[in-house]
Protein backbone atom coordinates (compact mmCIF):
# COMPACT_ATOMS: atom_id res chain seq x y z
CA VAL A 1 51.18 2.95 119.18
CA GLU A 2 48.87 5.24 117.19
CA THR A 3 47.27 7.29 119.94
CA GLU A 4 48.23 10.95 120.25
CA ASP A 5 46.71 11.39 123.70
CA GLN A 6 49.51 11.48 126.32
CA GLU A 7 47.28 10.26 129.14
CA GLU A 8 46.09 7.33 127.04
CA LYS A 9 49.71 6.48 126.15
CA GLN A 10 50.60 6.35 129.84
CA GLU A 11 47.60 4.13 130.56
CA TYR A 12 48.56 1.66 127.81
CA SER A 13 52.19 1.76 128.93
CA LYS A 14 51.15 0.87 132.49
CA MET A 15 49.06 -2.05 131.20
CA VAL A 16 52.02 -3.37 129.18
CA GLU A 17 54.34 -3.05 132.18
CA GLU A 18 51.93 -4.83 134.55
CA ASN A 19 51.37 -7.69 132.10
CA ASN A 20 55.14 -8.01 131.54
CA GLU A 21 55.59 -8.39 135.30
CA LEU A 22 52.82 -10.98 135.45
CA LEU A 23 54.37 -12.96 132.57
CA LEU A 24 57.83 -12.88 134.19
CA GLN A 25 56.33 -14.05 137.49
CA LEU A 26 54.49 -16.87 135.74
CA ILE A 27 57.71 -18.05 134.04
CA SER A 28 59.63 -17.81 137.32
CA ASP A 29 56.95 -19.75 139.23
CA ILE A 30 56.75 -22.49 136.60
CA LEU A 31 60.55 -22.84 136.60
CA ASP A 32 60.57 -23.10 140.42
CA LEU A 33 57.77 -25.66 140.30
CA SER A 34 59.67 -27.71 137.71
CA LYS A 35 62.81 -27.62 139.89
CA ILE A 36 60.80 -28.75 142.92
CA GLU A 37 59.35 -31.70 141.00
CA ALA A 38 62.77 -32.61 139.57
CA GLY A 39 64.43 -32.38 142.99
CA THR A 40 66.88 -29.70 141.80
CA PHE A 41 65.52 -26.74 143.80
CA ASP A 42 68.75 -25.27 145.16
CA PHE A 43 69.46 -23.72 148.55
CA LYS A 44 72.50 -21.64 149.52
CA ILE A 45 72.74 -21.70 153.30
CA ARG A 46 74.63 -18.95 155.10
CA ASP A 47 74.33 -16.39 157.90
CA LEU A 48 71.70 -13.71 157.36
CA ASP A 49 70.32 -10.85 159.43
CA VAL A 50 66.53 -10.94 159.60
CA ASN A 51 66.46 -7.15 160.10
CA THR A 52 68.30 -6.63 156.81
CA LEU A 53 66.07 -9.13 154.99
CA CYS A 54 62.80 -7.59 156.20
CA GLY A 55 64.09 -4.03 155.72
CA ASP A 56 65.03 -4.80 152.11
CA VAL A 57 61.55 -6.20 151.40
CA GLN A 58 59.88 -3.18 152.99
CA ARG A 59 61.95 -0.69 151.00
CA SER A 60 61.52 -2.50 147.69
CA MET A 61 57.74 -2.87 148.03
CA LYS A 62 56.79 0.37 149.79
CA LEU A 63 55.89 2.15 146.53
CA ARG A 64 53.46 -0.62 145.54
CA VAL A 65 51.03 -0.12 148.43
CA LYS A 66 47.76 1.67 147.72
CA PRO A 67 47.16 5.23 148.99
CA GLY A 68 45.90 5.04 152.57
CA VAL A 69 47.88 1.87 153.35
CA GLU A 70 51.15 1.82 155.29
CA LEU A 71 53.80 -0.91 155.04
CA LEU A 72 55.52 -1.18 158.43
CA PHE A 73 58.54 -2.98 159.82
CA GLU A 74 60.06 -2.38 163.25
CA PRO A 75 62.95 -4.70 164.21
CA THR A 76 62.32 -6.73 167.36
CA LEU A 77 66.05 -6.93 168.12
CA PRO A 78 69.01 -4.68 167.15
CA SER A 79 70.41 -7.66 165.24
CA CYS A 80 68.95 -11.10 164.56
CA VAL A 81 71.31 -13.43 162.69
CA ILE A 82 70.11 -16.89 161.65
CA VAL A 83 71.51 -19.56 159.33
CA SER A 84 69.37 -20.11 156.24
CA ASP A 85 68.98 -19.15 152.56
CA PRO A 86 68.63 -15.34 152.21
CA ASN A 87 67.32 -15.42 148.63
CA ARG A 88 64.69 -18.07 149.28
CA LEU A 89 63.49 -16.37 152.47
CA HIS A 90 63.35 -13.03 150.62
CA GLN A 91 61.17 -14.81 148.04
CA VAL A 92 58.77 -16.03 150.75
CA VAL A 93 58.51 -12.73 152.65
CA ALA A 94 58.10 -10.72 149.42
CA ASN A 95 55.33 -13.09 148.34
CA PHE A 96 53.51 -12.59 151.65
CA VAL A 97 53.82 -8.80 151.37
CA ASN A 98 52.80 -8.74 147.71
CA ASN A 99 49.65 -10.74 148.48
CA ALA A 100 48.83 -8.41 151.38
CA ILE A 101 49.20 -5.39 149.07
CA LYS A 102 46.74 -6.90 146.58
CA PHE A 103 44.01 -7.40 149.16
CA THR A 104 44.48 -4.38 151.47
CA SER A 105 42.85 -1.10 150.47
CA GLU A 106 43.16 0.73 153.80
CA GLY A 107 44.98 0.43 157.10
CA GLU A 108 48.36 -1.24 157.37
CA ILE A 109 50.55 -4.18 156.43
CA LYS A 110 52.95 -5.13 159.19
CA LEU A 111 56.07 -7.21 158.76
CA ALA A 112 57.36 -8.64 162.05
CA TYR A 113 59.33 -11.45 163.67
CA LYS A 114 59.49 -13.04 167.10
CA VAL A 115 62.29 -15.17 168.52
CA SER A 116 61.73 -17.96 171.04
CA ASN A 117 64.24 -20.39 172.53
CA ASP A 118 64.37 -22.73 169.56
CA GLU A 119 62.71 -20.98 166.61
CA ILE A 120 61.99 -17.70 164.85
CA ARG A 121 58.50 -16.77 163.64
CA VAL A 122 58.25 -14.28 160.76
CA SER A 123 54.82 -12.87 159.91
CA VAL A 124 53.04 -10.45 157.59
CA SER A 125 49.74 -9.11 158.95
CA ASP A 126 47.27 -6.94 157.06
CA THR A 127 43.95 -5.16 157.57
CA GLY A 128 42.60 -6.43 154.26
CA MET A 129 39.50 -8.36 153.24
CA GLY A 130 40.42 -11.53 155.09
CA ILE A 131 40.05 -15.19 154.08
CA SER A 132 37.32 -17.67 154.96
CA GLU A 133 38.12 -20.70 157.13
CA GLU A 134 37.45 -23.00 154.16
CA ASP A 135 39.82 -21.08 151.85
CA CYS A 136 42.53 -21.06 154.55
CA ARG A 137 42.64 -24.86 154.29
CA THR A 138 43.51 -24.84 150.57
CA ILE A 139 45.40 -21.58 150.12
CA PHE A 140 48.84 -23.25 150.02
CA ASP A 141 47.74 -25.69 147.27
CA ARG A 142 48.92 -25.21 143.68
CA PHE A 143 46.93 -22.97 141.35
CA VAL A 144 44.59 -21.78 144.11
CA LYS A 145 43.46 -18.18 143.55
CA LEU A 146 40.96 -16.59 145.91
CA ASN A 147 40.10 -13.81 143.47
CA ALA A 148 40.27 -14.42 139.73
CA CYS A 149 40.33 -10.65 139.09
CA LYS A 150 43.63 -10.16 140.96
CA GLN A 151 46.95 -10.71 139.21
CA GLY A 152 48.84 -13.85 140.11
CA THR A 153 49.53 -17.43 139.10
CA GLY A 154 48.18 -19.30 142.12
CA LEU A 155 51.62 -20.89 142.55
CA GLY A 156 53.41 -18.45 144.86
CA LEU A 157 52.16 -19.76 148.20
CA ALA A 158 52.63 -23.40 147.16
CA ILE A 159 56.26 -22.61 146.34
CA CYS A 160 56.65 -20.75 149.66
CA LYS A 161 55.32 -23.81 151.51
CA ASN A 162 57.87 -26.02 149.78
CA ILE A 163 60.75 -23.62 150.57
CA ILE A 164 59.90 -23.35 154.27
CA GLU A 165 59.33 -27.07 154.74
CA LYS A 166 62.64 -27.89 152.99
CA LEU A 167 64.34 -25.51 155.43
CA GLY A 168 62.83 -27.43 158.34
CA GLY A 169 60.10 -24.95 159.20
CA ARG A 170 56.32 -24.60 159.26
CA ILE A 171 54.03 -22.23 157.36
CA GLY A 172 50.46 -21.12 157.93
CA VAL A 173 47.78 -18.44 157.89
CA GLU A 174 45.34 -17.00 160.41
CA SER A 175 42.51 -14.89 159.05
CA THR A 176 39.10 -13.39 159.75
CA LEU A 177 36.81 -12.26 156.94
CA GLY A 178 36.48 -8.48 156.84
CA VAL A 179 39.22 -8.02 159.46
CA GLY A 180 42.51 -9.14 157.92
CA SER A 181 45.05 -11.93 157.63
CA THR A 182 48.39 -12.99 159.06
CA PHE A 183 50.66 -15.22 157.00
CA TRP A 184 53.55 -16.69 158.98
CA PHE A 185 56.39 -19.16 158.91
CA THR A 186 58.73 -20.54 161.54
CA LEU A 187 62.29 -21.77 161.23
CA PRO A 188 64.35 -23.67 163.79
CA LEU A 189 67.23 -21.60 165.14
CA LYS A 190 69.68 -24.42 165.98
CA GLU A 191 68.83 -27.30 163.68
CA ILE A 192 69.10 -25.53 160.32
CA LYS A 193 72.89 -25.45 160.17
CA GLU A 194 73.26 -29.07 161.31
CA ASN A 195 70.60 -30.40 158.96
CA GLU A 196 71.42 -28.34 155.88
CA PRO A 197 69.12 -29.59 153.09
CA LYS A 198 70.85 -31.58 150.36
CA PHE A 199 69.41 -31.37 146.84
């Protein structure tokens, strides 16, 4: 408040903004966790285009990547409509991308999807620091943080796991230390509409 130096003001302002974002994320994660435990975590199932979903995430997060890193998304199909919850899937994909941004200082982050006969696989791959085999086994547990210096609550991936499993899918990670990581989830293409989750 008292500093006259413009550069210092901007630095303090950035710190306030980043900590505000962290606090909002913490509140949001705790609320989601409380809803999960209370059985009131809501889903709104409808048609959604995966291209639109992934494109929205790419556009909204492109400015967050570090210099020298590229956030890529190239649609596999001209249109890919599935039946699921757009907001919850946006939450999962954005979490994957946000984590990749934190741990990737050069190279690329690639958002992609692949459709098979009975399921769709959505993935976010990066050329970041990678994760050890031991950490891969616990990364979807609550309050697990691989780097205490990085912003985050340690709840995001646990919430993502709950969302995907409630939607009838699977979630996982493949990683090599020093090479990069791929976080992925699958969703059934036919069963989702018939077995709409009831909460």
